[in-house]
Amino acid sequence: MAYRLGILDQSPMFEGKTGAYALRRTVELAQKAEQWGYGRFWVSEHHNSDAVAGSSPEILISHVLAKTETIRVGSGGVMLQHYSPYKVAENFNLLASLAPGRVDLGIGKAPGGLPLSTKALNYGSANQEIAFEERLVLLNELLADSLAENHLLSGIQATPLPPEKTENFLLGASPGSAELAASLGWNFVYALFINSDAAVLEKAAEAYRNKNGSGRVLVAAAVVAAPTEEEASRLAGDKKIYKVHLESGRTVTLVSAESAEEFGRQAGEPFTTSVQDANVLKGTPQTIRRIFDDFHQRLGIAEFILHTPIETEEGRLQSFELLSPLHAQNKKEEDIYV
């Protein structure tokens, strides 16, 4: 079966190490990912965090592009609610002009931090209250240089216009997000590590196809691979995810009880929290590949973006290497990658 593999790295802060150290490890991982045969390498956006160092994907992407040669590099993703679509289009057209054919634009809907960081991002700006979908539609038109003549911004261009446009991805965890991606001709990435409900994934993949999406459906998964099942279980640990349910109807997913409580407190409205086991795919490389095979065959998943919650540097590198196309090739395993 033919499907592709990529990596999402959040620049984790290892115990006793600095943010600068974490970012150096991200660059080194991207270089190894290129050697190991991964097709793309994405970095994330998180604000005011002592757990991860990646707060500005556009800047980090530029540096990773300069330190690699062939692998596609992108955002997983830019949190569009905070930014002008025009500025995002300019940033990624510039990146695509610097490295034609190698830049991915992934857009996310989450805040990427607690309410205080959202307030800080908007403080002092002229940021208008525009709905996410409207922002995304405008971003798409700017990237395509196809603003309607009657649009308020008609005549504007997000320069420089690149020789090869970015490949675009909408990150989400619902059928509604899949339909939105399809309607714009974007690829859709289902965040399985956020919403582990297999039925929702199936509905999202079906919604994308029913909307005649011209791109592909990808799955972003938390994965832990090791030489034995026992070691994989040990490395994965007992991970949980925490959901904050605000009275206004919004639900936000976080990775610790403390951050969930703090989010609710900063939100300034009544809230409840719930906890569930994190959906971490764990086992030997053969076990993980069987899971991928099933998703590919049943749901037509074209690509998997791998994220690992392992808290040690050695374990993270081992997991990515064991699952890499190069490792599978060297082991003369079934040719499942393209």
Protein backbone atom coordinates (compact mmCIF):
# COMPACT_ATOMS: atom_id res chain seq x y z
CA MET A 1 0.00 0.00 0.00
CA ALA A 2 1.32 3.44 -0.91
CA TYR A 3 1.11 6.29 1.61
CA ARG A 4 3.48 8.98 2.77
CA LEU A 5 4.94 9.93 6.13
CA GLY A 6 5.80 13.31 7.62
CA ILE A 7 6.80 14.64 11.03
CA LEU A 8 5.25 17.31 13.26
CA ASP A 9 7.75 18.62 15.80
CA GLN A 10 6.70 20.95 18.61
CA SER A 11 10.24 21.76 19.81
CA PRO A 12 9.73 20.19 23.25
CA MET A 13 11.60 21.62 26.22
CA PHE A 14 13.53 18.77 27.81
CA GLU A 15 14.14 18.91 31.54
CA GLY A 16 16.98 21.24 32.43
CA LYS A 17 17.38 22.51 28.87
CA THR A 18 16.70 25.91 27.31
CA GLY A 19 14.47 27.01 24.47
CA ALA A 20 17.55 27.58 22.32
CA TYR A 21 18.55 23.96 22.91
CA ALA A 22 15.07 22.74 21.96
CA LEU A 23 15.17 24.69 18.69
CA ARG A 24 18.60 23.26 17.81
CA ARG A 25 17.19 19.78 18.33
CA THR A 26 14.30 20.64 16.00
CA VAL A 27 16.72 21.60 13.23
CA GLU A 28 18.73 18.41 13.79
CA LEU A 29 15.56 16.31 13.69
CA ALA A 30 14.57 17.93 10.38
CA GLN A 31 17.97 17.02 8.94
CA LYS A 32 17.61 13.43 10.14
CA ALA A 33 14.04 13.27 8.81
CA GLU A 34 15.38 14.24 5.38
CA GLN A 35 18.03 11.50 5.58
CA TRP A 36 15.45 8.96 6.76
CA GLY A 37 13.16 9.57 3.80
CA TYR A 38 10.29 11.51 5.37
CA GLY A 39 8.43 13.69 2.89
CA ARG A 40 7.66 16.73 5.01
CA PHE A 41 8.58 18.31 8.34
CA TRP A 42 6.19 20.65 10.17
CA VAL A 43 6.64 22.91 13.18
CA SER A 44 3.93 24.15 15.52
CA GLU A 45 2.75 27.38 17.13
CA HIS A 46 2.41 27.64 20.91
CA HIS A 47 2.54 30.77 23.03
CA ASN A 48 3.74 31.54 26.57
CA SER A 49 4.67 27.90 27.11
CA ASP A 50 7.34 26.34 29.29
CA ALA A 51 6.78 22.97 27.59
CA VAL A 52 7.50 23.78 23.94
CA ALA A 53 9.67 26.44 22.30
CA GLY A 54 8.04 26.95 18.90
CA SER A 55 6.13 30.24 19.06
CA SER A 56 6.69 31.54 15.51
CA PRO A 57 6.49 28.83 12.83
CA GLU A 58 7.23 31.21 9.95
CA ILE A 59 10.64 32.12 11.37
CA LEU A 60 11.49 28.56 12.32
CA ILE A 61 10.41 27.30 8.88
CA SER A 62 12.81 29.74 7.22
CA HIS A 63 15.72 28.49 9.32
CA VAL A 64 14.86 24.80 8.77
CA LEU A 65 14.61 25.37 5.01
CA ALA A 66 18.09 26.88 5.06
CA LYS A 67 19.48 23.90 6.99
CA THR A 68 17.92 21.21 4.77
CA GLU A 69 17.93 20.53 1.04
CA THR A 70 14.95 18.53 -0.22
CA ILE A 71 12.35 17.87 2.48
CA ARG A 72 9.17 19.96 2.43
CA VAL A 73 8.90 22.25 5.47
CA GLY A 74 5.76 23.85 6.84
CA SER A 75 3.49 24.88 9.67
CA GLY A 76 1.37 22.55 11.71
CA GLY A 77 -0.05 25.11 11.93
CA VAL A 78 -0.36 28.89 11.92
CA MET A 79 -3.19 29.93 14.26
CA LEU A 80 -5.06 32.18 11.86
CA GLN A 81 -7.45 33.65 14.42
CA HIS A 82 -4.62 35.87 15.68
CA TYR A 83 -3.39 37.26 12.38
CA SER A 84 -4.18 39.24 9.27
CA PRO A 85 -4.73 36.83 6.37
CA TYR A 86 -2.82 39.26 4.18
CA LYS A 87 0.27 39.09 6.41
CA VAL A 88 0.11 35.28 6.52
CA ALA A 89 -0.13 35.20 2.71
CA GLU A 90 2.86 37.54 2.42
CA ASN A 91 4.92 35.44 4.83
CA PHE A 92 4.30 32.18 3.01
CA ASN A 93 4.62 33.63 -0.48
CA LEU A 94 8.00 34.94 0.63
CA LEU A 95 9.01 31.55 2.02
CA ALA A 96 7.81 29.84 -1.18
CA SER A 97 9.86 32.31 -3.21
CA LEU A 98 12.97 31.51 -1.17
CA ALA A 99 12.46 27.74 -1.45
CA PRO A 100 10.15 26.98 -4.40
CA GLY A 101 8.40 23.64 -4.19
CA ARG A 102 9.30 23.02 -0.56
CA VAL A 103 6.86 25.08 1.53
CA ASP A 104 3.66 23.84 3.20
CA LEU A 105 1.09 26.15 4.78
CA GLY A 106 -0.90 24.46 7.52
CA ILE A 107 -3.63 26.50 9.21
CA GLY A 108 -5.11 25.73 12.62
CA LYS A 109 -8.16 27.05 14.42
CA ALA A 110 -6.97 26.56 18.01
CA PRO A 111 -5.58 29.50 20.02
CA GLY A 112 -2.18 27.90 20.56
CA GLY A 113 -2.12 29.03 24.16
CA LEU A 114 -4.19 30.30 27.08
CA PRO A 115 -6.54 33.30 26.90
CA LEU A 116 -3.85 35.64 28.24
CA SER A 117 -1.60 34.87 25.25
CA THR A 118 -4.53 35.54 22.89
CA LYS A 119 -5.04 38.87 24.62
CA ALA A 120 -1.33 39.66 24.28
CA LEU A 121 -1.31 38.78 20.57
CA ASN A 122 -4.19 41.17 19.93
CA TYR A 123 -3.01 43.91 22.28
CA GLY A 124 -2.14 47.10 20.45
CA SER A 125 -3.18 45.76 17.06
CA ALA A 126 -6.02 46.80 14.79
CA ASN A 127 -7.15 43.18 14.59
CA GLN A 128 -10.78 43.12 13.47
CA GLU A 129 -13.27 40.59 14.76
CA ILE A 130 -13.56 38.43 11.66
CA ALA A 131 -14.85 34.86 11.77
CA PHE A 132 -12.29 32.09 11.18
CA GLU A 133 -13.97 30.87 8.01
CA GLU A 134 -13.96 34.38 6.53
CA ARG A 135 -10.27 34.73 7.37
CA LEU A 136 -9.50 31.41 5.70
CA VAL A 137 -11.45 32.25 2.54
CA LEU A 138 -9.62 35.58 2.26
CA LEU A 139 -6.26 33.89 2.83
CA ASN A 140 -7.03 31.40 0.08
CA GLU A 141 -7.93 34.18 -2.36
CA LEU A 142 -4.77 36.12 -1.52
CA LEU A 143 -2.57 33.06 -2.03
CA ALA A 144 -4.28 32.39 -5.36
CA ASP A 145 -4.11 36.10 -6.31
CA SER A 146 -7.82 35.87 -7.11
CA LEU A 147 -9.59 38.54 -5.06
CA ALA A 148 -12.93 39.50 -6.60
CA GLU A 149 -13.12 42.94 -8.20
CA ASN A 150 -15.83 44.00 -5.75
CA HIS A 151 -13.82 42.96 -2.67
CA LEU A 152 -12.86 45.73 -0.25
CA LEU A 153 -9.19 44.82 -0.81
CA SER A 154 -9.43 44.45 -4.58
CA GLY A 155 -6.11 45.29 -6.24
CA ILE A 156 -3.88 44.10 -3.40
CA GLN A 157 -1.29 41.38 -3.92
CA ALA A 158 0.60 39.31 -1.35
CA THR A 159 4.03 39.83 -2.84
CA PRO A 160 6.37 38.39 -3.86
CA LEU A 161 4.38 35.99 -6.04
CA PRO A 162 6.29 32.69 -5.83
CA PRO A 163 7.25 30.56 -8.84
CA GLU A 164 5.49 27.62 -7.14
CA LYS A 165 2.66 28.15 -4.68
CA THR A 166 2.52 26.64 -1.21
CA GLU A 167 0.74 23.36 -0.63
CA ASN A 168 -2.13 24.18 1.71
CA PHE A 169 -3.58 22.19 4.61
CA LEU A 170 -6.41 22.84 7.05
CA LEU A 171 -5.92 21.18 10.43
CA GLY A 172 -9.05 20.06 12.25
CA ALA A 173 -10.88 17.30 14.07
CA SER A 174 -14.44 17.41 12.74
CA PRO A 175 -16.46 16.76 9.57
CA GLY A 176 -17.20 20.50 9.40
CA SER A 177 -13.50 21.32 9.11
CA ALA A 178 -13.13 18.62 6.44
CA GLU A 179 -15.95 20.18 4.41
CA LEU A 180 -14.39 23.64 4.72
CA ALA A 181 -11.04 22.34 3.47
CA ALA A 182 -12.72 20.57 0.56
CA SER A 183 -14.69 23.67 -0.43
CA LEU A 184 -11.43 25.62 -0.80
CA GLY A 185 -9.53 22.88 -2.57
CA TRP A 186 -7.19 22.46 0.40
CA ASN A 187 -5.88 19.23 1.88
CA PHE A 188 -7.40 18.24 5.23
CA VAL A 189 -5.42 16.97 8.22
CA TYR A 190 -7.45 15.15 10.87
CA ALA A 191 -5.89 15.58 14.33
CA LEU A 192 -6.31 12.06 15.68
CA PHE A 193 -4.18 12.91 18.73
CA ILE A 194 -6.79 15.52 19.70
CA ASN A 195 -10.01 13.71 18.75
CA SER A 196 -9.44 9.96 18.92
CA ASP A 197 -13.03 9.04 18.03
CA ALA A 198 -12.63 6.73 15.02
CA ALA A 199 -16.24 7.35 14.01
CA VAL A 200 -15.57 11.10 13.74
CA LEU A 201 -12.49 10.43 11.61
CA GLU A 202 -14.57 8.27 9.27
CA LYS A 203 -17.25 10.95 9.02
CA ALA A 204 -14.62 13.61 8.33
CA ALA A 205 -13.03 11.55 5.53
CA GLU A 206 -16.46 10.89 4.05
CA ALA A 207 -17.45 14.57 4.32
CA TYR A 208 -14.30 15.57 2.44
CA ARG A 209 -15.04 13.13 -0.38
CA ASN A 210 -18.73 14.08 -0.53
CA LYS A 211 -17.72 17.74 -0.87
CA ASN A 212 -15.57 16.69 -3.84
CA GLY A 213 -12.35 17.78 -2.19
CA SER A 214 -9.58 17.94 -4.76
CA GLY A 215 -6.79 17.36 -2.25
CA ARG A 216 -6.01 14.60 0.20
CA VAL A 217 -7.04 13.54 3.69
CA LEU A 218 -4.14 13.13 6.11
CA VAL A 219 -4.05 11.92 9.70
CA ALA A 220 -1.86 13.53 12.36
CA ALA A 221 -1.21 10.92 15.04
CA ALA A 222 0.71 10.64 18.29
CA VAL A 223 2.98 7.63 17.78
CA VAL A 224 5.50 5.76 19.91
CA ALA A 225 7.56 3.05 18.22
CA ALA A 226 10.19 0.86 19.88
CA PRO A 227 11.89 -2.50 19.22
CA THR A 228 9.43 -4.27 21.56
CA GLU A 229 5.82 -3.75 22.57
CA GLU A 230 6.87 -3.51 26.21
CA GLU A 231 9.37 -0.74 25.57
CA ALA A 232 6.86 1.18 23.48
CA SER A 233 4.29 1.02 26.30
CA ARG A 234 6.89 2.21 28.80
CA LEU A 235 7.95 5.12 26.61
CA ALA A 236 4.35 6.13 25.89
CA GLY A 237 3.46 6.25 29.58
CA ASP A 238 -0.03 7.11 30.76
CA LYS A 239 -0.80 10.23 28.76
CA LYS A 240 -4.08 12.12 29.21
CA ILE A 241 -5.77 14.97 27.42
CA TYR A 242 -7.95 17.53 29.16
CA LYS A 243 -10.91 19.33 27.63
CA VAL A 244 -12.20 22.67 28.86
CA HIS A 245 -15.89 23.17 28.11
CA LEU A 246 -16.77 26.87 28.31
CA GLU A 247 -20.31 28.05 28.98
CA SER A 248 -20.24 29.93 25.65
CA GLY A 249 -20.06 26.57 23.89
CA ARG A 250 -16.39 26.47 22.96
CA THR A 251 -14.25 23.44 23.83
CA VAL A 252 -10.46 23.58 24.03
CA THR A 253 -8.08 20.63 24.38
CA LEU A 254 -4.98 20.83 26.60
CA VAL A 255 -2.33 18.40 27.78
CA SER A 256 -2.36 18.91 31.56
CA ALA A 257 -4.88 19.38 34.34
CA GLU A 258 -3.08 22.53 35.45
CA SER A 259 -3.23 24.19 32.03
CA ALA A 260 -6.90 23.21 31.67
CA GLU A 261 -7.81 24.84 34.98
CA GLU A 262 -5.76 27.92 34.16
CA PHE A 263 -7.40 28.23 30.74
CA GLY A 264 -10.83 28.16 32.35
CA ARG A 265 -9.80 30.74 34.92
CA GLN A 266 -8.36 33.10 32.29
CA ALA A 267 -11.39 32.67 30.02
CA GLY A 268 -13.47 34.56 32.58
CA GLU A 269 -16.65 32.51 32.17
CA PRO A 270 -18.11 29.38 33.79
CA PHE A 271 -16.49 26.16 32.62
CA THR A 272 -16.15 22.45 33.27
CA THR A 273 -13.28 20.11 32.50
CA SER A 274 -13.14 16.49 31.43
CA VAL A 275 -10.24 14.06 31.07
CA GLN A 276 -9.64 11.09 28.80
CA ASP A 277 -6.79 8.84 27.78
CA ALA A 278 -4.65 10.32 25.03
CA ASN A 279 -4.80 8.40 21.77
CA VAL A 280 -1.19 7.28 21.39
CA LEU A 281 -0.48 4.61 18.78
CA LYS A 282 2.26 2.49 20.32
CA GLY A 283 4.13 -0.70 19.55
CA THR A 284 6.79 -2.09 17.26
CA PRO A 285 7.15 -0.59 13.78
CA GLN A 286 5.23 -3.55 12.39
CA THR A 287 2.33 -2.89 14.78
CA ILE A 288 2.18 0.79 13.84
CA ARG A 289 2.31 0.01 10.12
CA ARG A 290 -0.60 -2.39 10.43
CA ILE A 291 -2.64 0.43 11.95
CA PHE A 292 -1.62 2.77 9.13
CA ASP A 293 -2.46 0.09 6.57
CA ASP A 294 -5.96 -0.18 8.01
CA PHE A 295 -6.56 3.58 7.88
CA HIS A 296 -5.19 3.73 4.35
CA GLN A 297 -7.26 0.83 3.04
CA ARG A 298 -10.55 1.64 4.79
CA LEU A 299 -10.55 5.43 4.69
CA GLY A 300 -8.18 6.30 1.86
CA ILE A 301 -5.78 8.15 4.15
CA ALA A 302 -3.01 9.36 1.85
CA GLU A 303 -0.45 10.42 4.43
CA PHE A 304 0.37 10.29 8.13
CA ILE A 305 1.97 13.14 10.07
CA LEU A 306 3.76 11.70 13.09
CA HIS A 307 4.08 13.41 16.44
CA THR A 308 5.62 11.68 19.44
CA PRO A 309 4.91 12.47 23.12
CA ILE A 310 8.07 10.67 24.30
CA GLU A 311 9.83 12.75 26.94
CA THR A 312 13.40 11.62 26.27
CA GLU A 313 15.52 12.72 23.34
CA GLU A 314 16.83 9.22 22.67
CA GLY A 315 13.35 7.70 22.67
CA ARG A 316 11.97 10.34 20.28
CA LEU A 317 14.76 9.84 17.75
CA GLN A 318 14.48 6.08 17.97
CA SER A 319 10.73 6.20 17.35
CA PHE A 320 11.03 8.41 14.26
CA GLU A 321 13.90 6.36 12.87
CA LEU A 322 12.14 3.02 13.35
CA LEU A 323 9.07 4.27 11.50
CA SER A 324 11.01 5.97 8.71
CA PRO A 325 10.82 4.88 5.08
CA LEU A 326 14.60 4.37 5.04
CA HIS A 327 14.46 2.00 8.02
CA ALA A 328 11.69 -0.02 6.39
CA GLN A 329 13.71 -0.19 3.19
CA ASN A 330 16.87 -1.29 4.98
CA LYS A 331 14.92 -3.98 6.78
CA LYS A 332 13.54 -5.14 3.40
CA GLU A 333 10.01 -4.85 4.73
CA GLU A 334 6.95 -4.55 2.52
CA ASP A 335 7.18 -1.50 0.26
CA ILE A 336 4.37 0.62 1.69
CA TYR A 337 5.86 4.05 1.23
CA VAL A 338 6.10 6.39 -1.74
